[in-house]
C-alpha atoms as a PDB file:
ATOM      1  CA  MET A   1       6.581  17.308 -35.979  1.00  0.00           C
ATOM      2  CA  TYR A   2       6.588  13.667 -34.950  1.00  0.00           C
ATOM      3  CA  ARG A   3       3.507  11.901 -33.503  1.00  0.00           C
ATOM      4  CA  ASP A   4       5.087  11.670 -30.086  1.00  0.00           C
ATOM      5  CA  GLU A   5       5.896  15.355 -30.267  1.00  0.00           C
ATOM      6  CA  VAL A   6       2.263  16.293 -31.289  1.00  0.00           C
ATOM      7  CA  LEU A   7       0.807  14.202 -28.396  1.00  0.00           C
ATOM      8  CA  ASP A   8       3.287  15.864 -25.922  1.00  0.00           C
ATOM      9  CA  VAL A   9       2.406  19.334 -27.112  1.00  0.00           C
ATOM     10  CA  ALA A  10      -1.499  18.533 -26.979  1.00  0.00           C
ATOM     11  CA  LYS A  11      -1.125  17.044 -23.497  1.00  0.00           C
ATOM     12  CA  ALA A  12       0.664  20.087 -22.137  1.00  0.00           C
ATOM     13  CA  LEU A  13      -1.987  22.378 -23.623  1.00  0.00           C
ATOM     14  CA  VAL A  14      -4.921  20.587 -22.318  1.00  0.00           C
ATOM     15  CA  THR A  15      -3.595  19.689 -18.813  1.00  0.00           C
ATOM     16  CA  LYS A  16      -1.605  22.644 -18.060  1.00  0.00           C
ATOM     17  CA  GLU A  17      -1.754  25.730 -20.115  1.00  0.00           C
ATOM     18  CA  ARG A  18      -5.418  25.698 -21.163  1.00  0.00           C
ATOM     19  CA  GLU A  19      -6.557  24.422 -17.848  1.00  0.00           C
ATOM     20  CA  ALA A  20      -4.700  27.241 -16.173  1.00  0.00           C
ATOM     21  CA  GLN A  21      -6.246  29.823 -18.537  1.00  0.00           C
ATOM     22  CA  HIS A  22      -9.812  28.601 -18.843  1.00  0.00           C
ATOM     23  CA  GLY A  23     -10.414  26.300 -15.983  1.00  0.00           C
ATOM     24  CA  PRO A  24     -11.625  22.776 -15.882  1.00  0.00           C
ATOM     25  CA  ALA A  25     -12.466  21.363 -19.481  1.00  0.00           C
ATOM     26  CA  ASP A  26     -15.474  19.594 -18.324  1.00  0.00           C
ATOM     27  CA  ARG A  27     -17.039  22.708 -17.003  1.00  0.00           C
ATOM     28  CA  ASN A  28     -16.117  24.674 -20.136  1.00  0.00           C
ATOM     29  CA  ALA A  29     -17.715  21.890 -22.313  1.00  0.00           C
ATOM     30  CA  GLU A  30     -20.849  22.289 -20.041  1.00  0.00           C
ATOM     31  CA  ILE A  31     -21.004  26.015 -20.508  1.00  0.00           C
ATOM     32  CA  ILE A  32     -20.327  25.910 -24.364  1.00  0.00           C
ATOM     33  CA  ALA A  33     -22.929  23.167 -24.768  1.00  0.00           C
ATOM     34  CA  GLY A  34     -25.530  25.264 -22.909  1.00  0.00           C
ATOM     35  CA  LEU A  35     -24.680  28.306 -25.083  1.00  0.00           C
ATOM     36  CA  TRP A  36     -24.756  26.386 -28.409  1.00  0.00           C
ATOM     37  CA  SER A  37     -27.986  24.652 -27.294  1.00  0.00           C
ATOM     38  CA  ALA A  38     -29.667  28.061 -26.653  1.00  0.00           C
ATOM     39  CA  TYR A  39     -28.353  29.463 -29.925  1.00  0.00           C
ATOM     40  CA  THR A  40     -29.423  26.527 -32.124  1.00  0.00           C
ATOM     41  CA  GLY A  41     -32.587  25.509 -30.270  1.00  0.00           C
ATOM     42  CA  LYS A  42     -31.233  21.813 -30.338  1.00  0.00           C
ATOM     43  CA  LYS A  43     -29.679  19.787 -27.516  1.00  0.00           C
ATOM     44  CA  ILE A  44     -25.856  19.984 -27.812  1.00  0.00           C
ATOM     45  CA  SER A  45     -24.008  17.737 -25.313  1.00  0.00           C
ATOM     46  CA  LYS A  46     -20.573  18.286 -23.823  1.00  0.00           C
ATOM     47  CA  HIS A  47     -19.108  15.581 -25.993  1.00  0.00           C
ATOM     48  CA  ASP A  48     -20.726  17.202 -29.173  1.00  0.00           C
ATOM     49  CA  VAL A  49     -18.680  20.362 -28.148  1.00  0.00           C
ATOM     50  CA  SER A  50     -15.439  18.355 -28.340  1.00  0.00           C
ATOM     51  CA  VAL A  51     -16.308  16.645 -31.630  1.00  0.00           C
ATOM     52  CA  MET A  52     -17.512  19.860 -33.117  1.00  0.00           C
ATOM     53  CA  LEU A  53     -14.391  21.779 -32.194  1.00  0.00           C
ATOM     54  CA  ALA A  54     -12.137  19.038 -33.544  1.00  0.00           C
ATOM     55  CA  LEU A  55     -14.238  19.112 -36.737  1.00  0.00           C
ATOM     56  CA  MET A  56     -13.613  22.817 -36.981  1.00  0.00           C
ATOM     57  CA  LYS A  57      -9.853  22.240 -36.812  1.00  0.00           C
ATOM     58  CA  ILE A  58     -10.171  19.319 -39.373  1.00  0.00           C
ATOM     59  CA  GLY A  59     -12.036  21.652 -41.635  1.00  0.00           C
ATOM     60  CA  ARG A  60      -9.167  24.071 -41.458  1.00  0.00           C
ATOM     61  CA  LEU A  61      -6.708  21.283 -42.381  1.00  0.00           C
ATOM     62  CA  ALA A  62      -8.966  20.314 -45.383  1.00  0.00           C
ATOM     63  CA  SER A  63      -9.340  23.842 -46.674  1.00  0.00           C
ATOM     64  CA  GLY A  64      -6.069  25.352 -45.829  1.00  0.00           C
ATOM     65  CA  ASP A  65      -2.396  24.498 -45.180  1.00  0.00           C
ATOM     66  CA  PRO A  66      -2.172  21.074 -43.656  1.00  0.00           C
ATOM     67  CA  SER A  67       1.341  21.791 -42.497  1.00  0.00           C
ATOM     68  CA  VAL A  68      -0.056  24.212 -39.766  1.00  0.00           C
ATOM     69  CA  GLU A  69       0.730  22.056 -36.755  1.00  0.00           C
ATOM     70  CA  ASP A  70      -1.556  24.118 -34.392  1.00  0.00           C
ATOM     71  CA  HIS A  71      -4.634  22.566 -36.103  1.00  0.00           C
ATOM     72  CA  TRP A  72      -3.347  18.907 -35.625  1.00  0.00           C
ATOM     73  CA  VAL A  73      -2.406  19.701 -32.099  1.00  0.00           C
ATOM     74  CA  ASP A  74      -5.911  21.419 -31.218  1.00  0.00           C
ATOM     75  CA  ALA A  75      -7.851  18.680 -32.856  1.00  0.00           C
ATOM     76  CA  ILE A  76      -6.037  16.072 -30.812  1.00  0.00           C
ATOM     77  CA  GLY A  77      -6.517  18.165 -27.782  1.00  0.00           C
ATOM     78  CA  TYR A  78     -10.301  18.598 -28.290  1.00  0.00           C
ATOM     79  CA  LEU A  79     -10.809  14.881 -28.757  1.00  0.00           C
ATOM     80  CA  SER A  80      -8.712  14.030 -25.722  1.00  0.00           C
ATOM     81  CA  ILE A  81     -11.180  16.335 -23.779  1.00  0.00           C
ATOM     82  CA  GLY A  82     -13.962  14.551 -25.403  1.00  0.00           C
ATOM     83  CA  VAL A  83     -12.943  11.095 -24.165  1.00  0.00           C
ATOM     84  CA  GLU A  84     -12.499  12.345 -20.705  1.00  0.00           C
ATOM     85  CA  VAL A  85     -15.984  14.087 -20.650  1.00  0.00           C
ATOM     86  CA  CYS A  86     -17.610  10.857 -21.835  1.00  0.00           C
ATOM     87  CA  THR A  87     -15.699   8.431 -19.762  1.00  0.00           C
ATOM     88  CA  VAL A  88     -14.576   9.846 -16.325  1.00  0.00           C
ATOM     89  CA  ASN A  89     -17.333  10.597 -13.904  1.00  0.00           C
ATOM     90  CA  SER A  90     -19.725  11.856 -16.594  1.00  0.00           C
ATOM     91  CA  SER A  91     -23.344  11.990 -16.860  1.00  0.00           C
ATOM     92  CA  ASP A  92     -23.201  13.216 -20.603  1.00  0.00           C
ATOM     93  CA  PRO A  93     -24.830  10.650 -22.798  1.00  0.00           C
ATOM     94  CA  MET A  94     -22.799   9.466 -25.701  1.00  0.00           C
END
């Protein structure tokens, strides 16, 4: 898969398919941050959610088969959500 293809696939997933399935990414990040904060007893921000989910995919790449395109696509998607959460109408501290 070429870089333009992976970007196109990630874009389609985070702006169309996943948005339709799960609703607004910002709202999901807020819910996940709240749940993880309650579970860990530590403040988890919305941008932490994006970073930690991307790290999960990076961990799978590091410990498994790096030719699995899904991990690359998802990591890019999670990071794109993170930049939006942190830069577009957000009160989430970086």
